[in-house]
Amino acid sequence: MTSTFKPITPLRQRMIDDMRIRKLSPKTQASYIRVVKRFASFLGRSPDTASIEDLRRYQLHLVDHGISPISLNATLTGLKFLFKTTLDRPELLTKMHAVHVPHKLPVVLSREEVARLLAAVDNLKHQTALSVAYGAGLRANEVVSLKVGDIDSQRMVLRIEQGKGSKDRYAMLSPVLLERLRAWWKFAHAQGKMRQGGWLFPGLDPIDPLSTRQLNRAIHAAAEAARIDKRVSMHTLRHNPE
C-alpha cells in the first residue's frame, strides 16, 4: 500500500511558525494556509518564486472569476502575511490592492418579530441560547463558549472569555434574561444534561458545548416556522436593538 501522506514543506512550516509566534487564531491560520495553497495551485510552482506580475495576474484571475470583495480582501490579507512576514519581500505586493466593500444596512427585526422567532423555537436549550445572543449581544461562538460559572447574578453580567480579538469582556445581564437562564439551568439539571461547572449550553455529550452550526440551524428553522421573510442569522439577532 502506498502512502498518500505529504510532508509539510519548509515554506509552509515557516509560515505556520510565524503565525504561531503572533498567536493568530486557529481559524485565521487555516484561512491563510488555504489562501497560499490556492495561489500555489494557480502559479503551478512554489509561492516563494512568485514575481510582482504573478501576483497581479492572480488578482485579475480572481476578479475575472467573480470573487466577492470580502473574499478578495481576505485573500490579499493571507498573501500579505506570506510575502511581508514569512518571506520578508513586501515589495512584491506593490501591484495588489484591496477593494472597497459596499456597506449594506443590516437586517433589523421588530420586537414583535423577535418574540415570534424565539417563541417558534421548540427546544428550550436553543431558545435560551438565542435569547442570550439577543439579550446580551453575543456572537454565536461566544454563546456556545459560556460556562455556568460565567453568570454573575450579583453584578448582573456575563463573563465572555476570549471573545473577538481574543479579549475577555463583560456583557450586561438583564433580569428577564437571568430568569430565562435560571429556568434553563433547573430544566437541564433535572434532566441530567448539565455538568457541575460545565458548559451552559452542552451538546449531546455534556462534555462538549453546543456547536455554532446547531445554533445557526436553530435560528433558521425558527425564522421559517415564524414566517419571517427577512434573512435572519445569528448576526441579525446579535445586532438587533433589544
C-alpha atoms as a PDB file:
ATOM      1  CA  MET A   1       0.000   0.000   0.000  1.00  0.00           C
ATOM      2  CA  THR A   2       1.393   3.389  -0.996  1.00  0.00           C
ATOM      3  CA  SER A   3       1.104   6.236   1.475  1.00  0.00           C
ATOM      4  CA  THR A   4      -0.697   9.433   0.455  1.00  0.00           C
ATOM      5  CA  PHE A   5       0.941  11.400   3.251  1.00  0.00           C
ATOM      6  CA  LYS A   6       2.617  14.567   2.023  1.00  0.00           C
ATOM      7  CA  PRO A   7       5.225  16.131   4.281  1.00  0.00           C
ATOM      8  CA  ILE A   8       4.871  19.804   5.127  1.00  0.00           C
ATOM      9  CA  THR A   9       7.185  21.921   3.001  1.00  0.00           C
ATOM     10  CA  PRO A  10       9.765  24.101   4.761  1.00  0.00           C
ATOM     11  CA  LEU A  11       7.953  27.208   3.482  1.00  0.00           C
ATOM     12  CA  ARG A  12       4.608  26.157   4.922  1.00  0.00           C
ATOM     13  CA  GLN A  13       6.212  25.166   8.214  1.00  0.00           C
ATOM     14  CA  ARG A  14       7.910  28.556   8.455  1.00  0.00           C
ATOM     15  CA  MET A  15       4.612  30.310   7.768  1.00  0.00           C
ATOM     16  CA  ILE A  16       2.872  28.176  10.406  1.00  0.00           C
ATOM     17  CA  ASP A  17       5.607  29.035  12.891  1.00  0.00           C
ATOM     18  CA  ASP A  18       5.271  32.747  12.049  1.00  0.00           C
ATOM     19  CA  MET A  19       1.537  32.576  12.675  1.00  0.00           C
ATOM     20  CA  ARG A  20       2.072  30.735  15.955  1.00  0.00           C
ATOM     21  CA  ILE A  21       4.599  33.332  17.093  1.00  0.00           C
ATOM     22  CA  ARG A  22       1.964  36.022  16.540  1.00  0.00           C
ATOM     23  CA  LYS A  23      -0.679  33.857  18.237  1.00  0.00           C
ATOM     24  CA  LEU A  24      -3.098  34.046  15.342  1.00  0.00           C
ATOM     25  CA  SER A  25      -6.292  32.101  15.957  1.00  0.00           C
ATOM     26  CA  PRO A  26      -6.554  28.564  14.522  1.00  0.00           C
ATOM     27  CA  LYS A  27      -9.304  29.806  12.207  1.00  0.00           C
ATOM     28  CA  THR A  28      -7.097  32.597  10.849  1.00  0.00           C
ATOM     29  CA  GLN A  29      -4.157  30.233  10.424  1.00  0.00           C
ATOM     30  CA  ALA A  30      -6.283  27.757   8.456  1.00  0.00           C
ATOM     31  CA  SER A  31      -7.613  30.596   6.284  1.00  0.00           C
ATOM     32  CA  TYR A  32      -4.128  31.896   5.451  1.00  0.00           C
ATOM     33  CA  ILE A  33      -2.891  28.397   4.582  1.00  0.00           C
ATOM     34  CA  ARG A  34      -5.870  27.876   2.218  1.00  0.00           C
ATOM     35  CA  VAL A  35      -5.128  31.202   0.533  1.00  0.00           C
ATOM     36  CA  VAL A  36      -1.486  30.277  -0.092  1.00  0.00           C
ATOM     37  CA  LYS A  37      -2.395  26.777  -1.345  1.00  0.00           C
ATOM     38  CA  ARG A  38      -4.805  28.253  -3.908  1.00  0.00           C
ATOM     39  CA  PHE A  39      -2.196  30.734  -5.070  1.00  0.00           C
ATOM     40  CA  ALA A  40       0.389  27.965  -5.410  1.00  0.00           C
ATOM     41  CA  SER A  41      -2.099  25.935  -7.450  1.00  0.00           C
ATOM     42  CA  PHE A  42      -2.680  28.908  -9.755  1.00  0.00           C
ATOM     43  CA  LEU A  43       1.054  29.529 -10.040  1.00  0.00           C
ATOM     44  CA  GLY A  44       1.982  25.904 -10.633  1.00  0.00           C
ATOM     45  CA  ARG A  45       5.101  26.206  -8.502  1.00  0.00           C
ATOM     46  CA  SER A  46       6.224  27.272  -5.031  1.00  0.00           C
ATOM     47  CA  PRO A  47       4.828  30.683  -3.976  1.00  0.00           C
ATOM     48  CA  ASP A  48       8.280  31.868  -2.926  1.00  0.00           C
ATOM     49  CA  THR A  49       9.222  32.025  -6.637  1.00  0.00           C
ATOM     50  CA  ALA A  50       6.385  34.461  -7.461  1.00  0.00           C
ATOM     51  CA  SER A  51       7.007  37.823  -9.067  1.00  0.00           C
ATOM     52  CA  ILE A  52       5.126  41.110  -8.869  1.00  0.00           C
ATOM     53  CA  GLU A  53       3.492  40.270 -12.182  1.00  0.00           C
ATOM     54  CA  ASP A  54       2.434  36.807 -10.945  1.00  0.00           C
ATOM     55  CA  LEU A  55       0.608  38.374  -8.005  1.00  0.00           C
ATOM     56  CA  ARG A  56      -1.017  40.975 -10.249  1.00  0.00           C
ATOM     57  CA  ARG A  57      -2.173  38.226 -12.659  1.00  0.00           C
ATOM     58  CA  TYR A  58      -3.629  36.286  -9.739  1.00  0.00           C
ATOM     59  CA  GLN A  59      -5.693  39.223  -8.534  1.00  0.00           C
ATOM     60  CA  LEU A  60      -7.010  39.723 -12.082  1.00  0.00           C
ATOM     61  CA  HIS A  61      -7.783  35.995 -12.240  1.00  0.00           C
ATOM     62  CA  LEU A  62      -9.809  36.192  -9.024  1.00  0.00           C
ATOM     63  CA  VAL A  63     -11.706  39.284 -10.192  1.00  0.00           C
ATOM     64  CA  ASP A  64     -12.485  37.706 -13.576  1.00  0.00           C
ATOM     65  CA  HIS A  65     -13.891  34.641 -11.820  1.00  0.00           C
ATOM     66  CA  GLY A  66     -16.349  36.709  -9.795  1.00  0.00           C
ATOM     67  CA  ILE A  67     -14.791  36.629  -6.342  1.00  0.00           C
ATOM     68  CA  SER A  68     -16.630  38.831  -3.840  1.00  0.00           C
ATOM     69  CA  PRO A  69     -14.924  41.953  -2.446  1.00  0.00           C
ATOM     70  CA  ILE A  70     -14.832  40.424   1.046  1.00  0.00           C
ATOM     71  CA  SER A  71     -13.252  37.182  -0.186  1.00  0.00           C
ATOM     72  CA  LEU A  72     -10.778  39.085  -2.357  1.00  0.00           C
ATOM     73  CA  ASN A  73      -9.625  41.236   0.554  1.00  0.00           C
ATOM     74  CA  ALA A  74      -9.308  38.125   2.740  1.00  0.00           C
ATOM     75  CA  THR A  75      -7.141  36.520   0.046  1.00  0.00           C
ATOM     76  CA  LEU A  76      -4.921  39.591  -0.123  1.00  0.00           C
ATOM     77  CA  THR A  77      -4.535  39.565   3.663  1.00  0.00           C
ATOM     78  CA  GLY A  78      -3.316  35.957   3.606  1.00  0.00           C
ATOM     79  CA  LEU A  79      -0.870  36.645   0.789  1.00  0.00           C
ATOM     80  CA  LYS A  80       0.402  39.764   2.533  1.00  0.00           C
ATOM     81  CA  PHE A  81       1.237  37.676   5.571  1.00  0.00           C
ATOM     82  CA  LEU A  82       3.219  35.248   3.442  1.00  0.00           C
ATOM     83  CA  PHE A  83       5.180  37.848   1.500  1.00  0.00           C
ATOM     84  CA  LYS A  84       5.637  40.513   4.179  1.00  0.00           C
ATOM     85  CA  THR A  85       6.134  38.366   7.265  1.00  0.00           C
ATOM     86  CA  THR A  86       7.348  34.936   6.213  1.00  0.00           C
ATOM     87  CA  LEU A  87       9.320  35.790   3.051  1.00  0.00           C
ATOM     88  CA  ASP A  88      10.227  39.367   4.008  1.00  0.00           C
ATOM     89  CA  ARG A  89       9.511  40.526   0.466  1.00  0.00           C
ATOM     90  CA  PRO A  90       6.889  43.281   0.811  1.00  0.00           C
ATOM     91  CA  GLU A  91       7.950  44.852  -2.495  1.00  0.00           C
ATOM     92  CA  LEU A  92       6.152  42.043  -4.359  1.00  0.00           C
ATOM     93  CA  LEU A  93       2.796  43.363  -3.146  1.00  0.00           C
ATOM     94  CA  THR A  94       3.006  46.789  -4.800  1.00  0.00           C
ATOM     95  CA  LYS A  95       0.565  45.835  -7.579  1.00  0.00           C
ATOM     96  CA  MET A  96      -2.007  44.234  -5.282  1.00  0.00           C
ATOM     97  CA  HIS A  97      -4.746  46.435  -3.892  1.00  0.00           C
ATOM     98  CA  ALA A  98      -7.640  45.866  -1.503  1.00  0.00           C
ATOM     99  CA  VAL A  99     -11.047  46.759  -2.907  1.00  0.00           C
ATOM    100  CA  HIS A 100     -13.937  48.708  -1.452  1.00  0.00           C
ATOM    101  CA  VAL A 101     -16.606  46.593   0.227  1.00  0.00           C
ATOM    102  CA  PRO A 102     -20.084  48.071  -0.294  1.00  0.00           C
ATOM    103  CA  HIS A 103     -21.741  48.876   3.007  1.00  0.00           C
ATOM    104  CA  LYS A 104     -25.177  47.354   3.389  1.00  0.00           C
ATOM    105  CA  LEU A 105     -27.685  48.261   6.038  1.00  0.00           C
ATOM    106  CA  PRO A 106     -28.136  45.369   8.479  1.00  0.00           C
ATOM    107  CA  VAL A 107     -31.383  43.424   8.640  1.00  0.00           C
ATOM    108  CA  VAL A 108     -33.373  44.608  11.656  1.00  0.00           C
ATOM    109  CA  LEU A 109     -36.227  42.732  13.315  1.00  0.00           C
ATOM    110  CA  SER A 110     -39.041  44.384  15.194  1.00  0.00           C
ATOM    111  CA  ARG A 111     -39.634  43.363  18.816  1.00  0.00           C
ATOM    112  CA  GLU A 112     -42.723  41.519  17.678  1.00  0.00           C
ATOM    113  CA  GLU A 113     -40.676  39.572  15.115  1.00  0.00           C
ATOM    114  CA  VAL A 114     -38.037  38.693  17.714  1.00  0.00           C
ATOM    115  CA  ALA A 115     -40.780  37.488  20.069  1.00  0.00           C
ATOM    116  CA  ARG A 116     -42.267  35.333  17.291  1.00  0.00           C
ATOM    117  CA  LEU A 117     -38.837  33.985  16.404  1.00  0.00           C
ATOM    118  CA  LEU A 118     -37.998  32.913  19.959  1.00  0.00           C
ATOM    119  CA  ALA A 119     -41.470  31.503  20.519  1.00  0.00           C
ATOM    120  CA  ALA A 120     -41.051  29.342  17.408  1.00  0.00           C
ATOM    121  CA  VAL A 121     -38.034  27.541  18.912  1.00  0.00           C
ATOM    122  CA  ASP A 122     -39.344  24.278  20.400  1.00  0.00           C
ATOM    123  CA  ASN A 123     -36.077  23.342  22.141  1.00  0.00           C
ATOM    124  CA  LEU A 124     -35.534  25.112  25.472  1.00  0.00           C
ATOM    125  CA  LYS A 125     -31.740  24.962  25.183  1.00  0.00           C
ATOM    126  CA  HIS A 126     -31.772  26.555  21.735  1.00  0.00           C
ATOM    127  CA  GLN A 127     -34.397  29.080  22.768  1.00  0.00           C
ATOM    128  CA  THR A 128     -32.344  30.161  25.786  1.00  0.00           C
ATOM    129  CA  ALA A 129     -29.122  30.323  23.772  1.00  0.00           C
ATOM    130  CA  LEU A 130     -30.783  32.533  21.151  1.00  0.00           C
ATOM    131  CA  SER A 131     -32.227  34.690  23.920  1.00  0.00           C
ATOM    132  CA  VAL A 132     -28.700  35.204  25.265  1.00  0.00           C
ATOM    133  CA  ALA A 133     -27.428  36.201  21.820  1.00  0.00           C
ATOM    134  CA  TYR A 134     -30.244  38.730  21.526  1.00  0.00           C
ATOM    135  CA  GLY A 135     -30.402  39.995  25.098  1.00  0.00           C
ATOM    136  CA  ALA A 136     -26.634  40.262  25.695  1.00  0.00           C
ATOM    137  CA  GLY A 137     -25.493  40.961  22.130  1.00  0.00           C
ATOM    138  CA  LEU A 138     -23.213  37.933  21.881  1.00  0.00           C
ATOM    139  CA  ARG A 139     -21.735  36.216  18.847  1.00  0.00           C
ATOM    140  CA  ALA A 140     -22.622  32.575  18.209  1.00  0.00           C
ATOM    141  CA  ASN A 141     -19.188  31.311  19.296  1.00  0.00           C
ATOM    142  CA  GLU A 142     -19.407  33.418  22.462  1.00  0.00           C
ATOM    143  CA  VAL A 143     -22.793  31.930  23.340  1.00  0.00           C
ATOM    144  CA  VAL A 144     -21.686  28.314  22.964  1.00  0.00           C
ATOM    145  CA  SER A 145     -18.463  29.016  24.909  1.00  0.00           C
ATOM    146  CA  LEU A 146     -20.317  30.164  28.029  1.00  0.00           C
ATOM    147  CA  LYS A 147     -19.975  28.123  31.205  1.00  0.00           C
ATOM    148  CA  VAL A 148     -22.271  28.097  34.200  1.00  0.00           C
ATOM    149  CA  GLY A 149     -19.673  29.997  36.229  1.00  0.00           C
ATOM    150  CA  ASP A 150     -19.721  32.860  33.725  1.00  0.00           C
ATOM    151  CA  ILE A 151     -23.094  34.016  35.071  1.00  0.00           C
ATOM    152  CA  ASP A 152     -22.645  36.673  37.750  1.00  0.00           C
ATOM    153  CA  SER A 153     -26.118  37.311  39.153  1.00  0.00           C
ATOM    154  CA  GLN A 154     -24.746  39.645  41.835  1.00  0.00           C
ATOM    155  CA  ARG A 155     -23.231  42.073  39.363  1.00  0.00           C
ATOM    156  CA  MET A 156     -25.765  41.174  36.639  1.00  0.00           C
ATOM    157  CA  VAL A 157     -23.150  40.448  33.992  1.00  0.00           C
ATOM    158  CA  LEU A 158     -21.971  37.585  31.800  1.00  0.00           C
ATOM    159  CA  ARG A 159     -18.242  36.969  31.574  1.00  0.00           C
ATOM    160  CA  ILE A 160     -17.098  36.484  27.972  1.00  0.00           C
ATOM    161  CA  GLU A 161     -13.719  34.786  27.742  1.00  0.00           C
ATOM    162  CA  GLN A 162     -11.581  35.229  24.653  1.00  0.00           C
ATOM    163  CA  GLY A 163     -14.206  36.970  22.530  1.00  0.00           C
ATOM    164  CA  LYS A 164     -13.402  38.897  19.360  1.00  0.00           C
ATOM    165  CA  GLY A 165      -9.745  39.864  19.263  1.00  0.00           C
ATOM    166  CA  SER A 166      -9.020  37.219  21.937  1.00  0.00           C
ATOM    167  CA  LYS A 167     -10.154  39.656  24.623  1.00  0.00           C
ATOM    168  CA  ASP A 168     -12.161  39.000  27.777  1.00  0.00           C
ATOM    169  CA  ARG A 169     -15.101  41.280  28.496  1.00  0.00           C
ATOM    170  CA  TYR A 170     -18.395  41.506  30.361  1.00  0.00           C
ATOM    171  CA  ALA A 171     -21.892  41.715  28.869  1.00  0.00           C
ATOM    172  CA  MET A 172     -24.867  43.145  30.698  1.00  0.00           C
ATOM    173  CA  LEU A 173     -27.384  40.634  32.041  1.00  0.00           C
ATOM    174  CA  SER A 174     -30.983  41.815  32.250  1.00  0.00           C
ATOM    175  CA  PRO A 175     -33.403  40.490  34.910  1.00  0.00           C
ATOM    176  CA  VAL A 176     -35.546  38.903  32.185  1.00  0.00           C
ATOM    177  CA  LEU A 177     -32.564  37.104  30.680  1.00  0.00           C
ATOM    178  CA  LEU A 178     -31.406  35.962  34.119  1.00  0.00           C
ATOM    179  CA  GLU A 179     -34.803  34.362  34.722  1.00  0.00           C
ATOM    180  CA  ARG A 180     -34.588  32.574  31.377  1.00  0.00           C
ATOM    181  CA  LEU A 181     -31.155  31.253  32.284  1.00  0.00           C
ATOM    182  CA  ARG A 182     -32.366  30.053  35.679  1.00  0.00           C
ATOM    183  CA  ALA A 183     -35.287  28.225  34.063  1.00  0.00           C
ATOM    184  CA  TRP A 184     -32.908  26.522  31.631  1.00  0.00           C
ATOM    185  CA  TRP A 185     -30.455  25.640  34.420  1.00  0.00           C
ATOM    186  CA  LYS A 186     -33.217  23.994  36.501  1.00  0.00           C
ATOM    187  CA  PHE A 187     -34.517  22.054  33.498  1.00  0.00           C
ATOM    188  CA  ALA A 188     -31.066  20.899  32.364  1.00  0.00           C
ATOM    189  CA  HIS A 189     -30.092  19.754  35.869  1.00  0.00           C
ATOM    190  CA  ALA A 190     -33.353  17.892  36.315  1.00  0.00           C
ATOM    191  CA  GLN A 191     -32.694  16.088  33.033  1.00  0.00           C
ATOM    192  CA  GLY A 192     -29.044  15.410  33.896  1.00  0.00           C
ATOM    193  CA  LYS A 193     -27.899  17.401  30.854  1.00  0.00           C
ATOM    194  CA  MET A 194     -25.562  19.830  32.583  1.00  0.00           C
ATOM    195  CA  ARG A 195     -22.318  19.059  34.383  1.00  0.00           C
ATOM    196  CA  GLN A 196     -21.284  20.860  37.550  1.00  0.00           C
ATOM    197  CA  GLY A 197     -19.336  23.922  36.435  1.00  0.00           C
ATOM    198  CA  GLY A 198     -19.620  22.753  32.823  1.00  0.00           C
ATOM    199  CA  TRP A 199     -20.935  24.284  29.650  1.00  0.00           C
ATOM    200  CA  LEU A 200     -24.010  26.466  29.969  1.00  0.00           C
ATOM    201  CA  PHE A 201     -25.278  25.011  26.699  1.00  0.00           C
ATOM    202  CA  PRO A 202     -23.841  21.494  26.424  1.00  0.00           C
ATOM    203  CA  GLY A 203     -24.027  19.386  23.287  1.00  0.00           C
ATOM    204  CA  LEU A 204     -25.480  15.880  23.073  1.00  0.00           C
ATOM    205  CA  ASP A 205     -22.489  14.795  25.129  1.00  0.00           C
ATOM    206  CA  PRO A 206     -22.304  17.195  28.120  1.00  0.00           C
ATOM    207  CA  ILE A 207     -18.511  17.117  27.858  1.00  0.00           C
ATOM    208  CA  ASP A 208     -18.776  19.152  24.641  1.00  0.00           C
ATOM    209  CA  PRO A 209     -20.503  22.508  24.107  1.00  0.00           C
ATOM    210  CA  LEU A 210     -23.360  23.115  21.706  1.00  0.00           C
ATOM    211  CA  SER A 211     -21.919  23.828  18.254  1.00  0.00           C
ATOM    212  CA  THR A 212     -22.382  27.083  16.375  1.00  0.00           C
ATOM    213  CA  ARG A 213     -23.702  25.023  13.461  1.00  0.00           C
ATOM    214  CA  GLN A 214     -26.534  23.701  15.623  1.00  0.00           C
ATOM    215  CA  LEU A 215     -27.310  27.230  16.776  1.00  0.00           C
ATOM    216  CA  ASN A 216     -27.401  28.528  13.206  1.00  0.00           C
ATOM    217  CA  ARG A 217     -29.695  25.695  12.170  1.00  0.00           C
ATOM    218  CA  ALA A 218     -31.984  26.503  15.082  1.00  0.00           C
ATOM    219  CA  ILE A 219     -32.369  30.172  14.174  1.00  0.00           C
ATOM    220  CA  HIS A 220     -33.006  29.421  10.509  1.00  0.00           C
ATOM    221  CA  ALA A 221     -35.648  26.831  11.401  1.00  0.00           C
ATOM    222  CA  ALA A 222     -37.271  29.258  13.844  1.00  0.00           C
ATOM    223  CA  ALA A 223     -37.369  32.054  11.266  1.00  0.00           C
ATOM    224  CA  GLU A 224     -39.062  29.713   8.806  1.00  0.00           C
ATOM    225  CA  ALA A 225     -41.552  28.490  11.412  1.00  0.00           C
ATOM    226  CA  ALA A 226     -42.316  32.068  12.469  1.00  0.00           C
ATOM    227  CA  ARG A 227     -42.791  33.031   8.777  1.00  0.00           C
ATOM    228  CA  ILE A 228     -40.286  35.852   8.921  1.00  0.00           C
ATOM    229  CA  ASP A 229     -39.402  36.813   5.359  1.00  0.00           C
ATOM    230  CA  LYS A 230     -36.168  38.648   6.215  1.00  0.00           C
ATOM    231  CA  ARG A 231     -32.771  36.935   6.030  1.00  0.00           C
ATOM    232  CA  VAL A 232     -32.249  36.087   9.678  1.00  0.00           C
ATOM    233  CA  SER A 233     -28.935  34.918  11.139  1.00  0.00           C
ATOM    234  CA  MET A 234     -27.100  34.964  14.448  1.00  0.00           C
ATOM    235  CA  HIS A 235     -25.512  38.225  13.290  1.00  0.00           C
ATOM    236  CA  THR A 236     -29.005  39.692  12.795  1.00  0.00           C
ATOM    237  CA  LEU A 237     -30.099  38.644  16.250  1.00  0.00           C
ATOM    238  CA  ARG A 238     -26.968  39.949  17.947  1.00  0.00           C
ATOM    239  CA  HIS A 239     -27.142  43.390  16.350  1.00  0.00           C
ATOM    240  CA  ASN A 240     -30.887  43.797  16.704  1.00  0.00           C
ATOM    241  CA  PRO A 241     -31.847  46.508  19.233  1.00  0.00           C
ATOM    242  CA  GLU A 242     -33.475  44.948  22.285  1.00  0.00           C
END
